[in-house]
């Protein structure tokens, strides 16, 4: 099996949440945003402010380049989903 990189900000945000073992409500609380906003961010219909992006990166040790564009190294403690064997 090979590891695949989520190709979008919402996908990377969801991977982060799942790796941390959090629900959307718990992530919203940790980031001090509403559940509605967090949910919208994760499905790609909401827009994160520059301050929120900075907060996510700082709180979880991420680079902005990785979070927004998938560029750079993935933090070692964040797992990527494995590509299915049939793919």
N, C-alpha and C. Protein backbone atom coordinates (compact mmCIF):
# COMPACT_ATOMS: atom_id res chain seq x y z
N UNK A 1 0.84 -1.20 0.00
CA UNK A 1 0.00 0.00 0.00
C UNK A 1 0.87 1.24 0.00
N UNK A 2 0.42 2.23 -0.71
CA UNK A 2 1.17 3.47 -0.74
C UNK A 2 0.32 4.55 -0.09
N UNK A 3 0.99 5.52 0.52
CA UNK A 3 0.29 6.61 1.20
C UNK A 3 -0.09 7.67 0.18
N UNK A 4 -1.27 8.27 0.37
CA UNK A 4 -1.70 9.33 -0.53
C UNK A 4 -1.88 10.63 0.25
N UNK A 5 -1.58 11.74 -0.39
CA UNK A 5 -1.69 13.06 0.22
C UNK A 5 -3.06 13.65 -0.12
N UNK A 6 -3.80 14.10 0.87
CA UNK A 6 -5.04 14.80 0.56
C UNK A 6 -4.71 15.99 -0.34
N UNK A 7 -5.52 16.22 -1.37
CA UNK A 7 -5.18 17.23 -2.36
C UNK A 7 -5.85 18.58 -2.14
N UNK A 8 -6.41 18.80 -0.96
CA UNK A 8 -7.07 20.08 -0.71
C UNK A 8 -6.96 20.46 0.76
N UNK A 9 -7.15 21.75 1.02
CA UNK A 9 -7.18 22.23 2.40
C UNK A 9 -8.23 21.47 3.22
N UNK A 10 -9.47 21.33 2.72
CA UNK A 10 -10.45 20.59 3.51
C UNK A 10 -10.01 19.15 3.79
N UNK A 11 -9.40 18.51 2.83
CA UNK A 11 -8.94 17.14 3.03
C UNK A 11 -7.84 17.04 4.06
N UNK A 12 -6.91 17.99 4.02
CA UNK A 12 -5.82 17.99 5.01
C UNK A 12 -6.35 18.32 6.40
N UNK A 13 -7.33 19.21 6.48
CA UNK A 13 -7.94 19.54 7.77
C UNK A 13 -8.64 18.30 8.37
N UNK A 14 -9.32 17.56 7.52
CA UNK A 14 -10.01 16.35 7.98
C UNK A 14 -9.00 15.30 8.44
N UNK A 15 -7.91 15.12 7.70
CA UNK A 15 -6.86 14.17 8.09
C UNK A 15 -6.31 14.56 9.47
N UNK A 16 -6.04 15.85 9.66
CA UNK A 16 -5.54 16.32 10.95
C UNK A 16 -6.50 15.95 12.07
N UNK A 17 -7.78 16.24 11.87
CA UNK A 17 -8.79 15.96 12.90
C UNK A 17 -8.86 14.47 13.21
N UNK A 18 -8.90 13.66 12.18
CA UNK A 18 -9.01 12.21 12.39
C UNK A 18 -7.77 11.67 13.09
N UNK A 19 -6.59 12.17 12.70
CA UNK A 19 -5.35 11.71 13.32
C UNK A 19 -5.32 12.06 14.81
N UNK A 20 -5.90 13.21 15.14
CA UNK A 20 -5.96 13.63 16.54
C UNK A 20 -7.05 12.91 17.31
N UNK A 21 -7.90 12.17 16.59
CA UNK A 21 -8.98 11.43 17.25
C UNK A 21 -10.09 12.33 17.75
N UNK A 22 -10.30 13.45 17.07
CA UNK A 22 -11.31 14.43 17.49
C UNK A 22 -12.55 14.37 16.60
N UNK A 23 -13.66 14.76 17.18
CA UNK A 23 -14.87 15.00 16.39
C UNK A 23 -14.78 16.41 15.83
N UNK A 24 -15.67 16.74 14.91
CA UNK A 24 -15.72 18.11 14.40
C UNK A 24 -16.01 19.08 15.54
N UNK A 25 -16.89 18.70 16.45
CA UNK A 25 -17.22 19.58 17.58
C UNK A 25 -16.00 19.83 18.46
N UNK A 26 -15.21 18.80 18.70
CA UNK A 26 -14.01 18.96 19.52
C UNK A 26 -12.98 19.85 18.83
N UNK A 27 -12.82 19.68 17.52
CA UNK A 27 -11.88 20.54 16.78
C UNK A 27 -12.35 21.99 16.81
N UNK A 28 -13.64 22.19 16.61
CA UNK A 28 -14.19 23.55 16.65
C UNK A 28 -13.91 24.19 18.01
N UNK A 29 -14.09 23.42 19.06
CA UNK A 29 -13.83 23.93 20.41
C UNK A 29 -12.35 24.26 20.59
N UNK A 30 -11.48 23.37 20.15
CA UNK A 30 -10.03 23.61 20.28
C UNK A 30 -9.60 24.86 19.53
N UNK A 31 -10.25 25.11 18.39
CA UNK A 31 -9.88 26.27 17.57
C UNK A 31 -10.70 27.51 17.92
N UNK A 32 -11.64 27.36 18.83
CA UNK A 32 -12.51 28.45 19.27
C UNK A 32 -13.30 29.06 18.10
N UNK A 33 -13.89 28.15 17.31
CA UNK A 33 -14.79 28.56 16.23
C UNK A 33 -16.08 27.77 16.39
N UNK A 34 -17.12 28.19 15.70
CA UNK A 34 -18.39 27.46 15.79
C UNK A 34 -18.28 26.13 15.06
N UNK A 35 -19.09 25.18 15.48
CA UNK A 35 -19.14 23.89 14.80
C UNK A 35 -19.56 24.09 13.35
N UNK A 36 -20.48 24.99 13.11
CA UNK A 36 -20.94 25.27 11.76
C UNK A 36 -19.78 25.72 10.86
N UNK A 37 -18.96 26.64 11.34
CA UNK A 37 -17.82 27.11 10.55
C UNK A 37 -16.84 25.98 10.32
N UNK A 38 -16.51 25.24 11.37
CA UNK A 38 -15.53 24.16 11.21
C UNK A 38 -16.03 23.13 10.18
N UNK A 39 -17.29 22.75 10.30
CA UNK A 39 -17.87 21.78 9.37
C UNK A 39 -17.79 22.28 7.93
N UNK A 40 -18.09 23.55 7.73
CA UNK A 40 -18.02 24.14 6.39
C UNK A 40 -16.59 24.14 5.86
N UNK A 41 -15.62 24.41 6.73
CA UNK A 41 -14.22 24.39 6.31
C UNK A 41 -13.83 22.99 5.84
N UNK A 42 -14.28 21.99 6.56
CA UNK A 42 -13.88 20.62 6.26
C UNK A 42 -14.53 20.09 4.99
N UNK A 43 -15.68 20.62 4.62
CA UNK A 43 -16.30 20.16 3.37
C UNK A 43 -16.04 21.12 2.21
N UNK A 44 -15.32 22.19 2.49
CA UNK A 44 -14.88 23.07 1.42
C UNK A 44 -15.83 24.18 1.01
N UNK A 45 -16.81 24.49 1.85
CA UNK A 45 -17.71 25.59 1.50
C UNK A 45 -17.51 26.81 2.38
N UNK A 46 -16.66 26.71 3.36
CA UNK A 46 -16.33 27.85 4.21
C UNK A 46 -14.94 28.35 3.90
N UNK A 47 -14.65 29.56 4.32
CA UNK A 47 -13.32 30.13 4.08
C UNK A 47 -12.69 30.47 5.43
N UNK A 48 -11.47 29.98 5.61
CA UNK A 48 -10.74 30.26 6.85
C UNK A 48 -10.06 31.62 6.74
N UNK A 49 -10.14 32.39 7.80
CA UNK A 49 -9.43 33.67 7.85
C UNK A 49 -7.94 33.40 8.00
N UNK A 50 -7.14 34.40 7.68
CA UNK A 50 -5.68 34.28 7.85
C UNK A 50 -5.34 33.99 9.31
N UNK A 51 -6.07 34.61 10.22
CA UNK A 51 -5.82 34.39 11.65
C UNK A 51 -6.13 32.95 12.05
N UNK A 52 -7.19 32.37 11.51
CA UNK A 52 -7.53 30.99 11.83
C UNK A 52 -6.51 30.03 11.24
N UNK A 53 -6.07 30.28 10.03
CA UNK A 53 -5.04 29.44 9.42
C UNK A 53 -3.77 29.47 10.26
N UNK A 54 -3.39 30.66 10.69
CA UNK A 54 -2.20 30.80 11.54
C UNK A 54 -2.38 30.03 12.85
N UNK A 55 -3.57 30.12 13.42
CA UNK A 55 -3.86 29.44 14.69
C UNK A 55 -3.77 27.92 14.52
N UNK A 56 -4.34 27.39 13.44
CA UNK A 56 -4.29 25.95 13.19
C UNK A 56 -2.83 25.50 13.07
N UNK A 57 -2.06 26.23 12.29
CA UNK A 57 -0.65 25.88 12.08
C UNK A 57 0.13 25.92 13.39
N UNK A 58 -0.06 26.97 14.14
CA UNK A 58 0.66 27.13 15.41
C UNK A 58 0.26 26.05 16.42
N UNK A 59 -1.03 25.83 16.55
CA UNK A 59 -1.53 24.89 17.56
C UNK A 59 -1.11 23.45 17.28
N UNK A 60 -1.02 23.08 16.00
CA UNK A 60 -0.74 21.68 15.67
C UNK A 60 0.62 21.46 15.02
N UNK A 61 1.44 22.50 14.97
CA UNK A 61 2.80 22.35 14.45
C UNK A 61 2.87 22.09 12.95
N UNK A 62 1.97 22.71 12.21
CA UNK A 62 1.93 22.54 10.76
C UNK A 62 2.55 23.73 10.05
N UNK A 63 3.05 23.51 8.84
CA UNK A 63 3.48 24.65 8.03
C UNK A 63 2.26 25.13 7.25
N UNK A 64 2.20 26.43 7.03
CA UNK A 64 1.11 27.01 6.26
C UNK A 64 1.11 26.45 4.84
N UNK A 65 2.29 26.26 4.28
CA UNK A 65 2.40 25.71 2.92
C UNK A 65 1.78 24.33 2.83
N UNK A 66 2.02 23.50 3.84
CA UNK A 66 1.43 22.16 3.82
C UNK A 66 -0.09 22.24 3.98
N UNK A 67 -0.55 23.02 4.95
CA UNK A 67 -1.98 23.09 5.22
C UNK A 67 -2.76 23.63 4.03
N UNK A 68 -2.27 24.68 3.41
CA UNK A 68 -3.01 25.32 2.33
C UNK A 68 -2.79 24.69 0.97
N UNK A 69 -1.56 24.22 0.70
CA UNK A 69 -1.23 23.78 -0.65
C UNK A 69 -0.69 22.35 -0.73
N UNK A 70 -0.45 21.73 0.39
CA UNK A 70 0.12 20.39 0.37
C UNK A 70 1.59 20.38 0.02
N UNK A 71 2.24 21.53 0.15
CA UNK A 71 3.66 21.67 -0.18
C UNK A 71 4.49 21.53 1.09
N UNK A 72 5.58 20.80 0.97
CA UNK A 72 6.47 20.65 2.11
C UNK A 72 6.25 19.34 2.82
N UNK A 73 6.93 19.23 3.93
CA UNK A 73 6.88 17.98 4.69
C UNK A 73 5.65 17.91 5.57
N UNK A 74 5.07 16.75 5.57
CA UNK A 74 3.97 16.46 6.47
C UNK A 74 4.54 16.21 7.86
N UNK A 75 3.98 16.82 8.88
CA UNK A 75 4.47 16.53 10.23
C UNK A 75 4.46 15.03 10.50
N UNK A 76 5.50 14.53 11.10
CA UNK A 76 5.68 13.09 11.30
C UNK A 76 4.56 12.45 12.10
N UNK A 77 3.92 13.20 12.97
CA UNK A 77 2.89 12.60 13.82
C UNK A 77 1.49 12.64 13.21
N UNK A 78 1.39 13.05 11.94
CA UNK A 78 0.09 13.06 11.27
C UNK A 78 0.12 11.98 10.19
N UNK A 79 -0.71 10.98 10.33
CA UNK A 79 -0.73 9.86 9.39
C UNK A 79 -1.53 10.21 8.14
N UNK A 80 -1.12 9.66 7.02
CA UNK A 80 -1.88 9.77 5.78
C UNK A 80 -2.71 8.51 5.60
N UNK A 81 -3.86 8.64 4.97
CA UNK A 81 -4.65 7.43 4.72
C UNK A 81 -3.93 6.56 3.70
N UNK A 82 -4.04 5.27 3.86
CA UNK A 82 -3.42 4.35 2.90
C UNK A 82 -4.34 4.21 1.70
N UNK A 83 -3.74 4.19 0.52
CA UNK A 83 -4.51 3.97 -0.70
C UNK A 83 -4.99 2.53 -0.68
N UNK A 84 -6.20 2.31 -1.11
CA UNK A 84 -6.73 0.95 -1.07
C UNK A 84 -5.93 0.03 -1.99
N UNK A 85 -5.86 -1.22 -1.63
CA UNK A 85 -5.07 -2.20 -2.39
C UNK A 85 -5.62 -2.38 -3.79
N UNK A 86 -6.90 -2.11 -4.00
CA UNK A 86 -7.50 -2.29 -5.32
C UNK A 86 -7.23 -1.14 -6.26
N UNK A 87 -6.71 -0.04 -5.76
CA UNK A 87 -6.47 1.14 -6.60
C UNK A 87 -5.18 1.01 -7.37
